[in-house]
């Protein structure tokens, strides 16, 4: 998800929560919005990209089964399909996403998510052909060089959130349609979508 998309989804989420929440009964709520991002941190962008090779396999597999439906076991090599997709324009675009890079690159990308007021960023670094040692060194470098800056500003975010939930800050209504993922649907899925 891009930072621009995050702004749209954050606004839509909190506007729905503040203006259109219809509870089925009385219960304690815990409003939060999180994004999941591919993640690998290394001394250089090139090292991080190499360590994260295959990180888009998880998202590819989800889309593959969403668009192809059930597949007879043993009839498809998902890894070969993935390798082919990686070379496509969509695959090339996906390879450039996520929080993959040097501490400076990740810090710059995270600041954009921070500006969107996302509550949490979930780091997905176990997807792909990476080693346990790469995952550990990535997390250690991130924790030492990037995380403290964002941790120090968390009270500011909590104050923003409190003010939004109290109605003291009103967020713009932003159309999320441009940020929705469109997949190739089966004919029956297309019929259901056009009927709704």
N, C-alpha and C. Protein backbone atom coordinates (compact mmCIF):
# COMPACT_ATOMS: atom_id res chain seq x y z
N UNK A 1 0.85 -1.17 0.00
CA UNK A 1 0.00 0.00 0.00
C UNK A 1 0.89 1.23 0.00
N UNK A 2 0.54 2.18 -0.83
CA UNK A 2 1.28 3.43 -0.86
C UNK A 2 0.85 4.31 0.31
N UNK A 3 1.66 5.30 0.59
CA UNK A 3 1.30 6.23 1.67
C UNK A 3 0.05 7.03 1.30
N UNK A 4 -0.13 7.34 0.01
CA UNK A 4 -1.36 8.05 -0.41
C UNK A 4 -2.59 7.18 -0.16
N UNK A 5 -2.47 5.90 -0.48
CA UNK A 5 -3.59 4.98 -0.21
C UNK A 5 -3.83 4.88 1.29
N UNK A 6 -2.76 4.89 2.08
CA UNK A 6 -2.91 4.80 3.54
C UNK A 6 -3.70 5.99 4.07
N UNK A 7 -3.45 7.18 3.55
CA UNK A 7 -4.21 8.37 3.98
C UNK A 7 -5.70 8.16 3.71
N UNK A 8 -6.02 7.67 2.51
CA UNK A 8 -7.43 7.46 2.15
C UNK A 8 -8.08 6.43 3.07
N UNK A 9 -7.39 5.33 3.33
CA UNK A 9 -7.97 4.27 4.16
C UNK A 9 -8.06 4.68 5.63
N UNK A 10 -7.06 5.39 6.12
CA UNK A 10 -7.11 5.87 7.51
C UNK A 10 -8.30 6.81 7.69
N UNK A 11 -8.44 7.77 6.77
CA UNK A 11 -9.56 8.70 6.86
C UNK A 11 -10.90 7.96 6.78
N UNK A 12 -11.00 7.02 5.84
CA UNK A 12 -12.26 6.28 5.70
C UNK A 12 -12.56 5.48 6.96
N UNK A 13 -11.55 4.86 7.53
CA UNK A 13 -11.74 4.05 8.73
C UNK A 13 -12.21 4.91 9.90
N UNK A 14 -11.47 5.98 10.19
CA UNK A 14 -11.82 6.79 11.35
C UNK A 14 -13.10 7.58 11.12
N UNK A 15 -13.39 8.00 9.89
CA UNK A 15 -14.67 8.66 9.64
C UNK A 15 -15.83 7.69 9.86
N UNK A 16 -15.66 6.45 9.41
CA UNK A 16 -16.70 5.45 9.64
C UNK A 16 -16.87 5.20 11.13
N UNK A 17 -15.77 5.11 11.84
CA UNK A 17 -15.82 4.84 13.27
C UNK A 17 -16.50 5.98 14.03
N UNK A 18 -16.14 7.21 13.70
CA UNK A 18 -16.67 8.38 14.43
C UNK A 18 -18.09 8.72 13.99
N UNK A 19 -18.38 8.62 12.69
CA UNK A 19 -19.65 9.12 12.16
C UNK A 19 -20.69 8.04 11.87
N UNK A 20 -20.25 6.81 11.62
CA UNK A 20 -21.20 5.80 11.14
C UNK A 20 -21.14 4.49 11.90
N UNK A 21 -20.58 4.49 13.07
CA UNK A 21 -20.46 3.24 13.85
C UNK A 21 -21.83 2.82 14.35
N UNK A 22 -22.22 1.61 14.01
CA UNK A 22 -23.50 1.05 14.46
C UNK A 22 -23.19 -0.26 15.18
N UNK A 23 -23.08 -0.20 16.49
CA UNK A 23 -22.78 -1.39 17.28
C UNK A 23 -24.00 -2.29 17.38
N UNK A 24 -23.77 -3.57 17.41
CA UNK A 24 -24.85 -4.53 17.59
C UNK A 24 -25.30 -4.57 19.04
N UNK A 25 -24.38 -4.21 19.96
CA UNK A 25 -24.67 -4.15 21.39
C UNK A 25 -23.57 -3.30 22.03
N UNK A 26 -23.67 -3.11 23.34
CA UNK A 26 -22.63 -2.33 24.03
C UNK A 26 -21.41 -3.21 24.30
N UNK A 27 -20.29 -2.77 23.84
CA UNK A 27 -19.03 -3.47 24.08
C UNK A 27 -17.89 -2.47 23.93
N UNK A 28 -16.77 -2.79 24.51
CA UNK A 28 -15.59 -1.94 24.44
C UNK A 28 -14.98 -2.03 23.04
N UNK A 29 -14.67 -0.91 22.44
CA UNK A 29 -14.04 -0.91 21.12
C UNK A 29 -12.58 -0.52 21.25
N UNK A 30 -11.81 -0.85 20.24
CA UNK A 30 -10.38 -0.56 20.24
C UNK A 30 -9.99 -0.15 18.82
N UNK A 31 -10.30 1.08 18.44
CA UNK A 31 -10.04 1.49 17.06
C UNK A 31 -8.54 1.57 16.75
N UNK A 32 -8.14 0.85 15.73
CA UNK A 32 -6.77 0.86 15.24
C UNK A 32 -6.78 0.46 13.79
N UNK A 33 -5.87 1.01 13.02
CA UNK A 33 -5.71 0.58 11.64
C UNK A 33 -4.24 0.28 11.41
N UNK A 34 -4.00 -0.86 10.79
CA UNK A 34 -2.63 -1.31 10.55
C UNK A 34 -2.45 -1.61 9.08
N UNK A 35 -1.22 -1.50 8.61
CA UNK A 35 -0.86 -1.94 7.27
C UNK A 35 0.23 -3.00 7.42
N UNK A 36 0.22 -3.94 6.52
CA UNK A 36 1.25 -4.97 6.48
C UNK A 36 2.17 -4.63 5.33
N UNK A 37 3.46 -4.67 5.58
CA UNK A 37 4.43 -4.32 4.55
C UNK A 37 5.56 -5.34 4.51
N UNK A 38 5.96 -5.69 3.31
CA UNK A 38 7.17 -6.50 3.16
C UNK A 38 8.29 -5.71 3.82
N UNK A 39 9.25 -6.42 4.40
CA UNK A 39 10.28 -5.74 5.17
C UNK A 39 11.61 -6.48 5.10
N UNK A 40 12.66 -5.73 4.88
CA UNK A 40 14.02 -6.24 5.03
C UNK A 40 14.94 -5.02 5.12
N UNK A 41 15.73 -4.97 6.17
CA UNK A 41 16.62 -3.85 6.41
C UNK A 41 18.07 -4.35 6.38
N UNK A 42 18.91 -3.65 5.63
CA UNK A 42 20.34 -3.98 5.55
C UNK A 42 21.11 -2.68 5.41
N UNK A 43 22.41 -2.77 5.42
CA UNK A 43 23.24 -1.57 5.34
C UNK A 43 23.01 -0.78 4.06
N UNK A 44 22.72 -1.47 2.94
CA UNK A 44 22.46 -0.79 1.67
C UNK A 44 21.15 -1.29 1.08
N UNK A 45 20.57 -0.49 0.18
CA UNK A 45 19.34 -0.89 -0.50
C UNK A 45 19.57 -2.17 -1.30
N UNK A 46 20.72 -2.28 -1.95
CA UNK A 46 21.01 -3.45 -2.78
C UNK A 46 21.09 -4.72 -1.93
N UNK A 47 21.73 -4.64 -0.77
CA UNK A 47 21.81 -5.80 0.12
C UNK A 47 20.41 -6.21 0.59
N UNK A 48 19.60 -5.24 0.94
CA UNK A 48 18.25 -5.54 1.42
C UNK A 48 17.42 -6.19 0.33
N UNK A 49 17.52 -5.68 -0.91
CA UNK A 49 16.77 -6.27 -2.02
C UNK A 49 17.20 -7.71 -2.25
N UNK A 50 18.49 -7.97 -2.18
CA UNK A 50 18.99 -9.34 -2.38
C UNK A 50 18.49 -10.26 -1.26
N UNK A 51 18.51 -9.77 -0.03
CA UNK A 51 18.05 -10.57 1.11
C UNK A 51 16.55 -10.83 1.05
N UNK A 52 15.81 -9.94 0.41
CA UNK A 52 14.34 -10.04 0.35
C UNK A 52 13.85 -10.70 -0.93
N UNK A 53 14.76 -11.27 -1.71
CA UNK A 53 14.35 -11.90 -2.96
C UNK A 53 13.24 -12.91 -2.70
N UNK A 54 12.18 -12.80 -3.45
CA UNK A 54 11.05 -13.70 -3.27
C UNK A 54 10.03 -13.22 -2.26
N UNK A 55 10.23 -12.01 -1.74
CA UNK A 55 9.32 -11.52 -0.70
C UNK A 55 7.90 -11.30 -1.20
N UNK A 56 7.73 -11.15 -2.49
CA UNK A 56 6.39 -10.93 -3.04
C UNK A 56 5.66 -12.24 -3.34
N UNK A 57 6.29 -13.38 -3.04
CA UNK A 57 5.65 -14.67 -3.32
C UNK A 57 4.33 -14.82 -2.58
N UNK A 58 4.29 -14.38 -1.33
CA UNK A 58 3.07 -14.50 -0.52
C UNK A 58 1.91 -13.76 -1.17
N UNK A 59 2.13 -12.48 -1.55
CA UNK A 59 1.04 -11.72 -2.16
C UNK A 59 0.68 -12.30 -3.53
N UNK A 60 1.68 -12.79 -4.27
CA UNK A 60 1.40 -13.42 -5.55
C UNK A 60 0.50 -14.64 -5.36
N UNK A 61 0.84 -15.49 -4.38
CA UNK A 61 0.07 -16.71 -4.16
C UNK A 61 -1.38 -16.40 -3.79
N UNK A 62 -1.58 -15.39 -2.94
CA UNK A 62 -2.94 -15.01 -2.58
C UNK A 62 -3.73 -14.58 -3.82
N UNK A 63 -3.12 -13.74 -4.64
CA UNK A 63 -3.81 -13.28 -5.85
C UNK A 63 -4.02 -14.42 -6.84
N UNK A 64 -3.04 -15.31 -6.95
CA UNK A 64 -3.16 -16.43 -7.88
C UNK A 64 -4.39 -17.26 -7.55
N UNK A 65 -4.52 -17.65 -6.30
CA UNK A 65 -5.67 -18.48 -5.93
C UNK A 65 -6.97 -17.70 -5.95
N UNK A 66 -6.91 -16.39 -5.75
CA UNK A 66 -8.12 -15.56 -5.85
C UNK A 66 -8.60 -15.48 -7.29
N UNK A 67 -7.68 -15.43 -8.24
CA UNK A 67 -8.08 -15.28 -9.64
C UNK A 67 -8.26 -16.60 -10.36
N UNK A 68 -7.58 -17.66 -9.91
CA UNK A 68 -7.66 -18.95 -10.58
C UNK A 68 -8.59 -19.94 -9.90
N UNK A 69 -8.98 -19.60 -8.69
CA UNK A 69 -9.85 -20.52 -7.95
C UNK A 69 -9.10 -21.77 -7.53
N UNK A 70 -9.84 -22.78 -7.11
CA UNK A 70 -9.18 -24.03 -6.71
C UNK A 70 -8.40 -24.63 -7.88
N UNK A 71 -7.22 -25.13 -7.58
CA UNK A 71 -6.37 -25.74 -8.60
C UNK A 71 -6.14 -27.19 -8.19
N UNK A 72 -6.25 -28.10 -9.16
CA UNK A 72 -6.02 -29.52 -8.89
C UNK A 72 -4.58 -29.70 -8.39
N UNK A 73 -4.41 -30.31 -7.22
CA UNK A 73 -3.06 -30.50 -6.67
C UNK A 73 -2.14 -31.20 -7.67
N UNK A 74 -0.92 -30.69 -7.77
CA UNK A 74 0.09 -31.28 -8.64
C UNK A 74 0.02 -30.84 -10.08
N UNK A 75 -0.93 -29.96 -10.43
CA UNK A 75 -1.05 -29.54 -11.83
C UNK A 75 -0.38 -28.20 -12.10
N UNK A 76 0.00 -27.48 -11.06
CA UNK A 76 0.60 -26.16 -11.23
C UNK A 76 1.81 -26.04 -10.32
N UNK A 77 2.90 -25.53 -10.88
CA UNK A 77 4.05 -25.18 -10.04
C UNK A 77 3.90 -23.70 -9.69
N UNK A 78 3.46 -23.44 -8.47
CA UNK A 78 3.24 -22.06 -8.06
C UNK A 78 4.54 -21.26 -8.12
N UNK A 79 5.67 -21.88 -7.82
CA UNK A 79 6.96 -21.17 -7.87
C UNK A 79 7.30 -20.78 -9.32
N UNK A 80 7.04 -21.65 -10.29
CA UNK A 80 7.29 -21.31 -11.69
C UNK A 80 6.34 -20.20 -12.15
N UNK A 81 5.08 -20.27 -11.73
CA UNK A 81 4.13 -19.20 -12.05
C UNK A 81 4.62 -17.88 -11.47
N UNK A 82 5.14 -17.95 -10.26
CA UNK A 82 5.66 -16.75 -9.58
C UNK A 82 6.85 -16.17 -10.34
N UNK A 83 7.76 -17.02 -10.76
CA UNK A 83 8.94 -16.55 -11.48
C UNK A 83 8.53 -15.84 -12.77
N UNK A 84 7.53 -16.36 -13.44
CA UNK A 84 7.01 -15.73 -14.65
C UNK A 84 6.38 -14.38 -14.32
N UNK A 85 5.59 -14.34 -13.26
CA UNK A 85 4.92 -13.09 -12.84
C UNK A 85 5.94 -12.03 -12.44
N UNK A 86 7.03 -12.43 -11.76
CA UNK A 86 8.05 -11.48 -11.33
C UNK A 86 8.60 -10.66 -12.50
N UNK A 87 8.66 -11.27 -13.68
CA UNK A 87 9.17 -10.57 -14.85
C UNK A 87 8.14 -9.69 -15.55
N UNK A 88 6.87 -9.80 -15.16
CA UNK A 88 5.81 -9.01 -15.78
C UNK A 88 5.83 -7.58 -15.22
N UNK A 89 5.17 -6.64 -15.88
CA UNK A 89 5.10 -5.26 -15.35
C UNK A 89 4.53 -5.21 -13.92
N UNK A 90 3.48 -6.00 -13.65
CA UNK A 90 2.89 -6.00 -12.30
C UNK A 90 3.90 -6.54 -11.29
N UNK A 91 4.60 -7.59 -11.66
CA UNK A 91 5.60 -8.17 -10.77
C UNK A 91 6.76 -7.23 -10.52
N UNK A 92 7.20 -6.54 -11.57
CA UNK A 92 8.29 -5.58 -11.42
C UNK A 92 7.90 -4.44 -10.50
N UNK A 93 6.66 -3.98 -10.66
CA UNK A 93 6.17 -2.90 -9.79
C UNK A 93 6.12 -3.36 -8.34
N UNK A 94 5.64 -4.57 -8.10
CA UNK A 94 5.54 -5.09 -6.73
C UNK A 94 6.90 -5.26 -6.08
N UNK A 95 7.92 -5.60 -6.89
CA UNK A 95 9.26 -5.81 -6.35
C UNK A 95 9.82 -4.53 -5.74
N UNK A 96 9.36 -3.36 -6.20
CA UNK A 96 9.88 -2.09 -5.70
C UNK A 96 9.15 -1.58 -4.47
N UNK A 97 8.15 -2.30 -4.01
CA UNK A 97 7.35 -1.82 -2.88
C UNK A 97 7.87 -2.31 -1.56
N UNK A 98 7.16 -1.96 -0.54
CA UNK A 98 7.48 -2.43 0.80
C UNK A 98 8.57 -1.62 1.48
N UNK A 99 8.86 -2.02 2.69
CA UNK A 99 9.90 -1.39 3.50
C UNK A 99 11.15 -2.24 3.38
N UNK A 100 11.75 -2.16 2.22
CA UNK A 100 12.95 -2.92 1.93
C UNK A 100 14.04 -1.93 1.56
N UNK A 101 15.12 -1.95 2.32
CA UNK A 101 16.21 -1.04 2.01
C UNK A 101 17.10 -0.78 3.21
N UNK A 102 17.89 0.26 3.05
CA UNK A 102 18.79 0.70 4.12
C UNK A 102 17.98 1.38 5.22
N UNK A 103 18.59 1.61 6.38
CA UNK A 103 17.86 2.34 7.42
C UNK A 103 17.33 3.69 6.92
N UNK A 104 18.10 4.41 6.13
CA UNK A 104 17.64 5.70 5.62
C UNK A 104 16.44 5.55 4.69
N UNK A 105 16.47 4.55 3.81
CA UNK A 105 15.35 4.32 2.89
C UNK A 105 14.10 3.94 3.67
N UNK A 106 14.23 3.04 4.62
CA UNK A 106 13.07 2.61 5.40
C UNK A 106 12.55 3.76 6.25
N UNK A 107 13.43 4.56 6.82
CA UNK A 107 13.02 5.71 7.63
C UNK A 107 12.19 6.68 6.78
N UNK A 108 12.65 6.95 5.56
CA UNK A 108 11.93 7.87 4.66
C UNK A 108 10.55 7.32 4.33
N UNK A 109 10.45 6.02 4.02
CA UNK A 109 9.15 5.42 3.69
C UNK A 109 8.23 5.38 4.91
N UNK A 110 8.79 5.06 6.06
CA UNK A 110 7.97 5.01 7.28
C UNK A 110 7.43 6.38 7.67
N UNK A 111 8.20 7.42 7.40
CA UNK A 111 7.71 8.77 7.71
C UNK A 111 6.45 9.07 6.93
N UNK A 112 6.36 8.58 5.71
CA UNK A 112 5.14 8.81 4.91
C UNK A 112 3.96 8.08 5.51
N UNK A 113 4.18 6.86 6.01
CA UNK A 113 3.10 6.16 6.69
C UNK A 113 2.73 6.86 7.99
N UNK A 114 3.72 7.36 8.69
CA UNK A 114 3.47 8.09 9.92
C UNK A 114 2.60 9.33 9.64
N UNK A 115 2.89 10.04 8.55
CA UNK A 115 2.11 11.22 8.18
C UNK A 115 0.67 10.85 7.83
N UNK A 116 0.43 9.61 7.40
CA UNK A 116 -0.93 9.18 7.07
C UNK A 116 -1.73 8.82 8.31
N UNK A 117 -1.06 8.75 9.46
CA UNK A 117 -1.67 8.41 10.75
C UNK A 117 -2.10 6.96 10.87
N UNK A 118 -1.42 6.08 10.17
CA UNK A 118 -1.60 4.64 10.39
C UNK A 118 -1.20 4.36 11.83
N UNK A 119 -1.96 3.53 12.52
CA UNK A 119 -1.65 3.22 13.91
C UNK A 119 -0.48 2.25 14.05
N UNK A 120 -0.40 1.28 13.16
CA UNK A 120 0.62 0.25 13.27
C UNK A 120 1.08 -0.16 11.88
N UNK A 121 2.35 -0.49 11.77
CA UNK A 121 2.90 -1.08 10.55
C UNK A 121 3.42 -2.46 10.94
N UNK A 122 2.87 -3.46 10.32
CA UNK A 122 3.26 -4.84 10.58
C UNK A 122 4.33 -5.22 9.57
N UNK A 123 5.48 -5.64 10.06
CA UNK A 123 6.62 -5.94 9.20
C UNK A 123 6.60 -7.43 8.82
N UNK A 124 6.46 -7.70 7.53
CA UNK A 124 6.41 -9.07 7.03
C UNK A 124 7.76 -9.40 6.40
N UNK A 125 8.61 -10.08 7.13
CA UNK A 125 9.91 -10.38 6.56
C UNK A 125 10.22 -11.87 6.50
N UNK A 126 9.24 -12.71 6.74
CA UNK A 126 9.50 -14.13 6.67
C UNK A 126 9.01 -14.73 5.35
N UNK A 127 8.58 -13.89 4.41
CA UNK A 127 8.10 -14.39 3.13
C UNK A 127 9.25 -14.35 2.12
N UNK A 128 9.40 -15.41 1.37
CA UNK A 128 10.44 -15.43 0.35
C UNK A 128 11.54 -16.41 0.70
N UNK A 129 12.61 -16.31 -0.03
CA UNK A 129 13.73 -17.24 0.15
C UNK A 129 14.82 -16.55 0.96
N UNK A 130 14.51 -16.25 2.20
CA UNK A 130 15.51 -15.60 3.03
C UNK A 130 15.92 -16.52 4.17
N UNK A 131 17.02 -16.17 4.77
CA UNK A 131 17.58 -16.99 5.84
C UNK A 131 17.20 -16.43 7.20
N UNK A 132 17.14 -17.30 8.18
CA UNK A 132 16.86 -16.89 9.55
C UNK A 132 17.82 -15.78 9.99
N UNK A 133 19.09 -15.93 9.64
CA UNK A 133 20.10 -14.93 10.02
C UNK A 133 19.80 -13.57 9.39
N UNK A 134 19.29 -13.58 8.15
CA UNK A 134 18.94 -12.32 7.48
C UNK A 134 17.78 -11.63 8.19
N UNK A 135 16.80 -12.41 8.59
CA UNK A 135 15.65 -11.86 9.30
C UNK A 135 16.09 -11.24 10.62
N UNK A 136 16.91 -11.98 11.37
CA UNK A 136 17.37 -11.47 12.68
C UNK A 136 18.22 -10.22 12.53
N UNK A 137 19.17 -10.22 11.59
CA UNK A 137 20.04 -9.05 11.43
C UNK A 137 19.23 -7.85 10.95
N UNK A 138 18.23 -8.10 10.12
CA UNK A 138 17.36 -7.03 9.63
C UNK A 138 16.60 -6.38 10.77
N UNK A 139 16.00 -7.20 11.62
CA UNK A 139 15.24 -6.68 12.76
C UNK A 139 16.15 -5.94 13.74
N UNK A 140 17.35 -6.47 13.97
CA UNK A 140 18.28 -5.82 14.89
C UNK A 140 18.72 -4.45 14.38
N UNK A 141 19.04 -4.36 13.09
CA UNK A 141 19.44 -3.08 12.50
C UNK A 141 18.29 -2.08 12.56
N UNK A 142 17.09 -2.53 12.22
CA UNK A 142 15.91 -1.67 12.27
C UNK A 142 15.68 -1.15 13.69
N UNK A 143 15.75 -2.06 14.67
CA UNK A 143 15.50 -1.68 16.07
C UNK A 143 16.54 -0.69 16.57
N UNK A 144 17.76 -0.81 16.11
CA UNK A 144 18.82 0.07 16.58
C UNK A 144 18.81 1.42 15.89
N UNK A 145 18.53 1.45 14.59
CA UNK A 145 18.73 2.68 13.83
C UNK A 145 17.47 3.39 13.37
N UNK A 146 16.34 2.72 13.33
CA UNK A 146 15.12 3.33 12.78
C UNK A 146 14.02 3.48 13.82
N UNK A 147 13.73 2.44 14.53
CA UNK A 147 12.58 2.41 15.43
C UNK A 147 12.57 3.49 16.50
N UNK A 148 13.71 3.84 17.12
CA UNK A 148 13.63 4.82 18.21
C UNK A 148 13.00 6.16 17.81
N UNK A 149 13.29 6.63 16.61
CA UNK A 149 12.72 7.90 16.15
C UNK A 149 11.19 7.86 16.16
N UNK A 150 10.62 6.77 15.69
CA UNK A 150 9.17 6.65 15.60
C UNK A 150 8.56 6.39 16.97
N UNK A 151 9.24 5.62 17.75
CA UNK A 151 8.78 5.35 19.11
C UNK A 151 8.68 6.66 19.92
N UNK A 152 9.65 7.54 19.73
CA UNK A 152 9.66 8.81 20.45
C UNK A 152 8.48 9.70 20.10
N UNK A 153 7.94 9.56 18.87
CA UNK A 153 6.82 10.40 18.44
C UNK A 153 5.45 9.76 18.65
N UNK A 154 5.40 8.57 19.22
CA UNK A 154 4.13 7.88 19.43
C UNK A 154 3.15 8.70 20.27
N UNK A 155 3.59 9.42 21.32
CA UNK A 155 2.61 10.23 22.07
C UNK A 155 1.89 11.28 21.20
N UNK A 156 2.58 11.82 20.21
CA UNK A 156 1.93 12.79 19.29
C UNK A 156 0.81 12.10 18.51
N UNK A 157 1.08 10.89 18.04
CA UNK A 157 0.05 10.16 17.31
C UNK A 157 -1.15 9.84 18.20
N UNK A 158 -0.88 9.43 19.41
CA UNK A 158 -1.97 9.12 20.34
C UNK A 158 -2.82 10.35 20.63
N UNK A 159 -2.21 11.52 20.70
CA UNK A 159 -2.97 12.76 20.91
C UNK A 159 -3.83 13.07 19.69
N UNK A 160 -3.28 12.89 18.48
CA UNK A 160 -4.06 13.08 17.25
C UNK A 160 -5.27 12.14 17.26
N UNK A 161 -5.03 10.89 17.58
CA UNK A 161 -6.09 9.88 17.58
C UNK A 161 -7.18 10.23 18.60
N UNK A 162 -6.77 10.65 19.79
CA UNK A 162 -7.72 11.05 20.82
C UNK A 162 -8.60 12.19 20.31
N UNK A 163 -7.98 13.18 19.65
CA UNK A 163 -8.72 14.34 19.14
C UNK A 163 -9.68 13.93 18.01
N UNK A 164 -9.27 13.01 17.15
CA UNK A 164 -10.15 12.53 16.08
C UNK A 164 -11.35 11.81 16.68
N UNK A 165 -11.10 10.90 17.61
CA UNK A 165 -12.18 10.13 18.21
C UNK A 165 -13.14 11.00 19.03
N UNK A 166 -12.62 12.12 19.56
CA UNK A 166 -13.46 13.04 20.33
C UNK A 166 -14.19 14.04 19.43
N UNK A 167 -13.93 13.98 18.12
CA UNK A 167 -14.58 14.90 17.19
C UNK A 167 -13.94 16.28 17.14
N UNK A 168 -12.79 16.45 17.74
CA UNK A 168 -12.09 17.74 17.72
C UNK A 168 -11.32 17.96 16.42
N UNK A 169 -10.98 16.89 15.74
CA UNK A 169 -10.36 16.96 14.41
C UNK A 169 -11.28 16.22 13.46
N UNK A 170 -11.67 16.87 12.37
CA UNK A 170 -12.51 16.23 11.38
C UNK A 170 -11.66 15.90 10.16
N UNK A 171 -11.72 14.66 9.73
CA UNK A 171 -10.91 14.20 8.60
C UNK A 171 -11.68 14.35 7.30
N UNK A 172 -10.96 14.64 6.22
CA UNK A 172 -11.57 14.72 4.90
C UNK A 172 -12.12 13.36 4.50
N UNK A 173 -13.24 13.36 3.79
CA UNK A 173 -13.78 12.13 3.21
C UNK A 173 -13.01 11.92 1.90
N UNK A 174 -12.28 10.84 1.79
CA UNK A 174 -11.48 10.54 0.61
C UNK A 174 -11.99 9.24 0.01
N UNK A 175 -12.23 9.25 -1.29
CA UNK A 175 -12.70 8.06 -1.99
C UNK A 175 -11.59 7.00 -2.01
N UNK A 176 -11.89 5.82 -1.50
CA UNK A 176 -10.90 4.75 -1.48
C UNK A 176 -10.92 3.90 -2.75
N UNK A 177 -11.90 4.12 -3.63
CA UNK A 177 -12.02 3.29 -4.84
C UNK A 177 -10.74 3.26 -5.67
N UNK A 178 -10.04 4.38 -5.85
CA UNK A 178 -8.82 4.31 -6.66
C UNK A 178 -7.72 3.45 -6.04
N UNK A 179 -7.86 3.12 -4.78
CA UNK A 179 -6.82 2.36 -4.09
C UNK A 179 -7.18 0.90 -3.87
N UNK A 180 -8.32 0.48 -4.41
CA UNK A 180 -8.73 -0.91 -4.25
C UNK A 180 -8.03 -1.76 -5.30
N UNK A 181 -7.66 -2.96 -4.91
CA UNK A 181 -6.99 -3.88 -5.82
C UNK A 181 -8.04 -4.55 -6.68
N UNK A 182 -7.86 -4.49 -7.98
CA UNK A 182 -8.77 -5.12 -8.91
C UNK A 182 -8.07 -6.36 -9.45
N UNK A 183 -8.72 -7.49 -9.36
CA UNK A 183 -8.15 -8.73 -9.86
C UNK A 183 -9.00 -9.26 -10.98
N UNK A 184 -8.44 -10.18 -11.74
CA UNK A 184 -9.22 -10.87 -12.77
C UNK A 184 -10.17 -11.79 -12.04
N UNK A 185 -11.46 -11.57 -12.24
CA UNK A 185 -12.46 -12.37 -11.53
C UNK A 185 -13.01 -13.45 -12.45
N UNK A 186 -13.50 -14.51 -11.83
CA UNK A 186 -14.17 -15.54 -12.61
C UNK A 186 -15.50 -14.98 -13.09
N UNK A 187 -16.10 -15.55 -14.13
CA UNK A 187 -17.39 -15.04 -14.61
C UNK A 187 -18.45 -14.96 -13.52
N UNK A 188 -18.51 -15.96 -12.62
CA UNK A 188 -19.54 -15.92 -11.58
C UNK A 188 -19.27 -14.80 -10.59
N UNK A 189 -17.99 -14.52 -10.31
CA UNK A 189 -17.66 -13.41 -9.40
C UNK A 189 -18.01 -12.07 -10.04
N UNK A 190 -17.77 -11.96 -11.35
CA UNK A 190 -18.15 -10.72 -12.05
C UNK A 190 -19.65 -10.51 -12.01
N UNK A 191 -20.40 -11.59 -12.18
CA UNK A 191 -21.87 -11.48 -12.16
C UNK A 191 -22.34 -11.05 -10.78
N UNK A 192 -21.75 -11.62 -9.72
CA UNK A 192 -22.14 -11.23 -8.36
C UNK A 192 -21.80 -9.76 -8.11
N UNK A 193 -20.63 -9.31 -8.59
CA UNK A 193 -20.21 -7.93 -8.35
C UNK A 193 -21.12 -6.96 -9.09
N UNK A 194 -21.52 -7.30 -10.33
CA UNK A 194 -22.38 -6.38 -11.08
C UNK A 194 -23.81 -6.38 -10.54
N UNK A 195 -24.23 -7.47 -9.89
CA UNK A 195 -25.57 -7.53 -9.32
C UNK A 195 -25.68 -6.74 -8.03
N UNK A 196 -24.56 -6.50 -7.36
CA UNK A 196 -24.63 -5.80 -6.06
C UNK A 196 -24.54 -4.31 -6.21
